[in-house]
Amino acid sequence: MKTYKFTIVIEKDEDGRYVAICPALQGCYAEGTTEKEAVEHLEDAIKLHIRARRGKGEPIREEVGTSKITVTL
């Protein structure tokens, strides 16, 4: 069994719901009424995403690194 580590991004939408996104897995996101719920749902979505890709013989991309940038306008 392989263990994966992914960076996730959590945002709060205009309706006050939390959206958790896994940028390394295109289209893999989940939402919830709390930050914790969104992350729990995303964990399930990531597992399903990886299983589907494995089933199709597709590679699972692993992150090389992350960083933040600051842009001033």
Protein backbone atom coordinates (compact mmCIF):
# COMPACT_ATOMS: atom_id res chain seq x y z
CA MET A 1 0.00 0.00 0.00
CA LYS A 2 1.43 3.38 -1.01
CA THR A 3 1.03 6.58 0.99
CA TYR A 4 0.59 9.86 -0.87
CA LYS A 5 0.99 13.41 0.43
CA PHE A 6 -0.76 16.28 -1.32
CA THR A 7 -1.02 19.99 -0.74
CA ILE A 8 -4.60 21.18 -0.45
CA VAL A 9 -6.10 24.66 -0.65
CA ILE A 10 -9.14 25.63 1.38
CA GLU A 11 -11.28 28.58 0.35
CA LYS A 12 -14.53 30.02 1.62
CA ASP A 13 -17.04 30.76 -1.13
CA GLU A 14 -19.52 33.62 -1.35
CA ASP A 15 -22.23 31.47 0.30
CA GLY A 16 -20.02 30.77 3.34
CA ARG A 17 -19.29 27.14 2.40
CA TYR A 18 -15.76 25.78 2.50
CA VAL A 19 -14.19 24.39 -0.66
CA ALA A 20 -11.12 22.14 -0.41
CA ILE A 21 -9.07 21.64 -3.58
CA CYS A 22 -6.18 19.31 -4.41
CA PRO A 23 -4.29 21.12 -7.21
CA ALA A 24 -2.09 18.09 -8.02
CA LEU A 25 -5.17 16.05 -8.96
CA GLN A 26 -6.99 18.02 -11.62
CA GLY A 27 -10.69 18.37 -10.87
CA CYS A 28 -10.39 16.91 -7.38
CA TYR A 29 -12.27 19.08 -4.90
CA ALA A 30 -14.95 18.88 -2.22
CA GLU A 31 -17.00 21.21 -0.11
CA GLY A 32 -18.57 21.32 3.31
CA THR A 33 -20.27 23.58 5.81
CA THR A 34 -17.09 23.65 7.92
CA GLU A 35 -13.41 23.55 7.04
CA LYS A 36 -13.09 20.16 8.75
CA GLU A 37 -16.01 18.71 6.79
CA ALA A 38 -14.60 19.97 3.49
CA VAL A 39 -11.23 18.34 4.24
CA GLU A 40 -12.87 15.05 5.24
CA HIS A 41 -14.85 15.03 2.00
CA LEU A 42 -11.70 15.87 0.03
CA GLU A 43 -9.86 12.91 1.59
CA ASP A 44 -12.61 10.64 0.26
CA ALA A 45 -12.51 12.35 -3.16
CA ILE A 46 -8.71 11.92 -3.35
CA LYS A 47 -9.00 8.20 -2.59
CA LEU A 48 -11.65 7.77 -5.30
CA HIS A 49 -9.58 9.82 -7.75
CA ILE A 50 -6.45 7.72 -7.17
CA ARG A 51 -8.36 4.43 -7.42
CA ALA A 52 -9.93 5.53 -10.71
CA ARG A 53 -6.57 6.57 -12.18
CA ARG A 54 -4.95 3.31 -11.07
CA GLY A 55 -7.83 1.37 -12.62
CA LYS A 56 -7.15 3.07 -15.96
CA GLY A 57 -3.40 2.57 -15.64
CA GLU A 58 -2.83 6.33 -15.44
CA PRO A 59 0.03 7.79 -13.41
CA ILE A 60 -0.50 9.57 -10.10
CA ARG A 61 1.39 12.83 -10.21
CA GLU A 62 3.38 13.62 -7.13
CA GLU A 63 4.27 17.13 -6.07
CA VAL A 64 7.79 18.41 -6.42
CA GLY A 65 7.26 21.38 -4.13
CA THR A 66 5.04 24.29 -3.21
CA SER A 67 5.58 27.98 -2.70
CA LYS A 68 3.67 31.21 -2.27
CA ILE A 69 4.14 34.42 -4.18
CA THR A 70 3.09 37.95 -3.37
CA VAL A 71 1.79 40.22 -6.10
CA THR A 72 1.28 43.94 -5.53
CA LEU A 73 -0.95 45.96 -7.83
